[in-house]
Amino acid sequence: MERGAQRRCLAIALYHEARGEALEGQVAVAATILNRVASRAYPSSICAVVFQGSRRRSGCQFSFACDHHALAPRNHAVFVRMEQLAGRILDMVDSSGVVRPGRFGPIARTLRRFAMVTHYHRFDVHPCWSRRLVRVAQSGAHVFFRSPRVIRRMPSRFLLARALSIPAQGTLGYLWL
């Protein structure tokens, strides 16, 4: 799928899921989406991950997709910022979602920190699936998790590349299953 369409889908997800968050929370949501794209447990494009299940009454991966607000951002200026952030994120990662060597700064740091995150929810909800996953971090209003099942469905070359992209002194103690 065209890069512009992927950027727009990522921007739509960021707009609806994290527009009120600080930069770290926005990038962490994007990392979750990119990690799902890398796993065979989910579709292989950003748009397909973001809109997975949106044609059913329930089962959306992201609630905004089932609410049918996905194509109608109300605040255009904020949406433009989310599009710019999505573009910066996509420029920073390779086709597997791994941060390219030599990339530094808060976005690259956050992408590395959340390199194995596969799920999140708002802190004030408690979905039943969260009890089965490994809690990794909280950023702003979101709690982030990893699913060993989803991680196992990532090709080993992606896992190795992600492992190598995380600095040894990083804050993550959950790198391997």
Protein backbone atom coordinates (compact mmCIF):
# COMPACT_ATOMS: atom_id res chain seq x y z
CA MET A 1 0.00 0.00 0.00
CA GLU A 2 1.16 3.53 -0.72
CA ARG A 3 3.22 5.24 1.99
CA GLY A 4 0.91 8.27 2.02
CA ALA A 5 -2.09 6.08 2.80
CA GLN A 6 -0.16 4.33 5.59
CA ARG A 7 0.85 7.70 7.05
CA ARG A 8 -2.77 8.87 6.95
CA CYS A 9 -4.03 5.71 8.67
CA LEU A 10 -1.39 6.08 11.38
CA ALA A 11 -2.33 9.76 11.77
CA ILE A 12 -6.02 8.88 12.09
CA ALA A 13 -5.21 6.38 14.82
CA LEU A 14 -2.97 8.87 16.63
CA TYR A 15 -5.64 11.54 16.37
CA HIS A 16 -8.40 9.40 17.84
CA GLU A 17 -6.34 7.41 20.32
CA ALA A 18 -3.67 9.80 21.58
CA ARG A 19 -4.13 13.41 20.48
CA GLY A 20 -4.38 14.57 24.11
CA GLU A 21 -1.24 12.72 25.17
CA ALA A 22 2.30 14.03 25.43
CA LEU A 23 4.69 13.07 22.63
CA GLU A 24 5.78 9.88 24.43
CA GLY A 25 2.20 8.61 24.64
CA GLN A 26 1.53 9.40 20.99
CA VAL A 27 4.68 7.62 19.83
CA ALA A 28 3.94 4.66 22.13
CA VAL A 29 0.54 4.22 20.45
CA ALA A 30 2.26 4.36 17.04
CA ALA A 31 4.83 1.79 18.21
CA THR A 32 2.01 -0.55 19.24
CA ILE A 33 0.52 -0.32 15.75
CA LEU A 34 3.89 -0.88 14.05
CA ASN A 35 4.57 -3.88 16.31
CA ARG A 36 1.26 -5.42 15.31
CA VAL A 37 2.10 -4.91 11.64
CA ALA A 38 5.34 -6.85 12.23
CA SER A 39 3.48 -9.82 13.75
CA ARG A 40 1.76 -12.51 11.72
CA ALA A 41 -1.01 -12.37 14.35
CA TYR A 42 -2.25 -9.16 12.71
CA PRO A 43 -2.62 -7.79 9.17
CA SER A 44 0.56 -6.69 7.42
CA SER A 45 -0.20 -3.00 6.82
CA ILE A 46 -0.86 -0.05 9.09
CA CYS A 47 -4.28 0.63 7.58
CA ALA A 48 -5.34 -3.00 7.91
CA VAL A 49 -4.26 -3.09 11.57
CA VAL A 50 -5.95 0.21 12.41
CA PHE A 51 -9.25 -0.73 10.77
CA GLN A 52 -9.24 -4.45 11.61
CA GLY A 53 -12.76 -5.52 12.54
CA SER A 54 -14.38 -2.21 11.60
CA ARG A 55 -16.90 -3.92 9.32
CA ARG A 56 -18.31 -5.92 12.23
CA ARG A 57 -20.60 -4.66 15.01
CA SER A 58 -17.91 -5.38 17.58
CA GLY A 59 -14.38 -6.60 17.47
CA CYS A 60 -12.56 -3.46 16.43
CA GLN A 61 -8.98 -3.28 17.56
CA PHE A 62 -9.43 0.47 18.04
CA SER A 63 -12.82 1.69 19.24
CA PHE A 64 -12.90 4.78 17.03
CA ALA A 65 -12.95 2.53 13.94
CA CYS A 66 -16.23 0.95 15.05
CA ASP A 67 -17.66 4.32 16.07
CA HIS A 68 -17.27 5.43 12.43
CA HIS A 69 -15.46 8.62 13.44
CA ALA A 70 -12.34 7.42 11.69
CA LEU A 71 -12.55 9.58 8.61
CA ALA A 72 -13.83 12.74 10.26
CA PRO A 73 -11.23 14.42 12.48
CA ARG A 74 -12.99 17.47 13.91
CA ASN A 75 -9.89 19.50 14.73
CA HIS A 76 -8.01 19.92 11.47
CA ALA A 77 -4.98 21.63 13.03
CA VAL A 78 -4.47 18.75 15.48
CA PHE A 79 -4.93 16.22 12.70
CA VAL A 80 -2.26 17.97 10.62
CA ARG A 81 0.12 17.67 13.62
CA MET A 82 -0.68 13.97 13.90
CA GLU A 83 0.02 13.54 10.18
CA GLN A 84 3.37 15.27 10.59
CA LEU A 85 4.22 13.05 13.57
CA ALA A 86 3.18 9.94 11.65
CA GLY A 87 5.46 10.99 8.79
CA ARG A 88 8.38 11.56 11.16
CA ILE A 89 7.83 8.16 12.75
CA LEU A 90 7.64 6.37 9.40
CA ASP A 91 10.79 8.16 8.22
CA MET A 92 12.57 6.88 11.32
CA VAL A 93 11.78 3.17 10.94
CA ASP A 94 12.59 0.56 8.33
CA SER A 95 10.00 -1.69 6.68
CA SER A 96 9.86 -3.93 9.76
CA GLY A 97 9.19 -1.04 12.12
CA VAL A 98 12.69 -1.09 13.62
CA VAL A 99 14.34 2.27 14.32
CA ARG A 100 17.03 2.89 11.74
CA PRO A 101 20.60 3.11 13.05
CA GLY A 102 21.77 6.61 13.81
CA ARG A 103 18.32 7.89 14.77
CA PHE A 104 18.21 9.70 18.09
CA GLY A 105 15.91 12.02 19.98
CA PRO A 106 12.68 11.57 21.90
CA ILE A 107 10.78 9.82 19.10
CA ALA A 108 13.52 7.24 18.46
CA ARG A 109 13.97 6.70 22.20
CA THR A 110 10.25 6.07 22.69
CA LEU A 111 10.03 3.75 19.68
CA ARG A 112 12.90 1.73 21.14
CA ARG A 113 11.39 1.73 24.62
CA PHE A 114 8.08 0.41 23.29
CA ALA A 115 9.66 -1.96 20.75
CA MET A 116 7.78 -5.04 21.97
CA VAL A 117 4.47 -3.50 23.05
CA THR A 118 1.44 -5.04 21.38
CA HIS A 119 -1.59 -3.76 23.33
CA TYR A 120 -2.74 -0.79 25.36
CA HIS A 121 -5.82 0.61 27.02
CA ARG A 122 -6.77 3.70 28.98
CA PHE A 123 -5.86 3.50 32.64
CA ASP A 124 -9.50 3.90 33.70
CA VAL A 125 -10.81 0.80 31.91
CA HIS A 126 -9.98 -2.81 32.71
CA PRO A 127 -10.52 -5.08 29.70
CA CYS A 128 -10.52 -8.81 30.44
CA TRP A 129 -7.65 -9.42 28.00
CA SER A 130 -5.25 -7.29 30.04
CA ARG A 131 -4.98 -9.95 32.77
CA ARG A 132 -3.42 -12.36 30.25
CA LEU A 133 -0.70 -9.97 29.08
CA VAL A 134 2.54 -8.63 30.53
CA ARG A 135 2.22 -5.05 31.72
CA VAL A 136 5.15 -3.02 30.41
CA ALA A 137 4.61 0.67 31.10
CA GLN A 138 2.19 3.50 31.59
CA SER A 139 2.45 6.72 29.63
CA GLY A 140 -0.10 9.40 30.26
CA ALA A 141 -3.59 7.93 30.22
CA HIS A 142 -2.55 4.62 28.61
CA VAL A 143 -1.22 1.38 30.06
CA PHE A 144 0.90 -0.69 27.65
CA PHE A 145 1.30 -4.46 27.47
CA ARG A 146 3.01 -7.13 25.44
CA SER A 147 1.45 -10.38 24.39
CA PRO A 148 3.82 -13.37 24.27
CA ARG A 149 1.46 -14.95 21.69
CA VAL A 150 1.75 -11.93 19.38
CA ILE A 151 5.51 -11.69 19.92
CA ARG A 152 5.92 -15.37 19.04
CA ARG A 153 4.22 -14.66 15.71
CA MET A 154 6.87 -12.09 14.79
CA PRO A 155 9.55 -13.41 12.45
CA SER A 156 12.81 -14.04 14.31
CA ARG A 157 14.68 -11.49 12.16
CA PHE A 158 12.28 -8.78 13.42
CA LEU A 159 12.76 -9.87 17.02
CA LEU A 160 16.52 -9.82 16.65
CA ALA A 161 16.48 -6.42 14.94
CA ARG A 162 14.25 -5.01 17.67
CA ALA A 163 16.45 -6.50 20.38
CA LEU A 164 19.52 -4.93 18.83
CA SER A 165 17.80 -1.55 18.50
CA ILE A 166 17.15 -1.29 22.25
CA PRO A 167 20.08 0.13 24.21
CA ALA A 168 21.43 -2.26 26.86
CA GLN A 169 20.93 0.32 29.58
CA GLY A 170 17.26 0.69 28.56
CA THR A 171 14.40 0.55 31.02
CA LEU A 172 12.87 -2.60 29.57
CA GLY A 173 13.29 -5.81 31.46
CA TYR A 174 10.98 -7.84 29.24
CA LEU A 175 12.91 -8.14 26.03
CA TRP A 176 12.69 -11.89 25.56
CA LEU A 177 9.76 -14.18 26.20
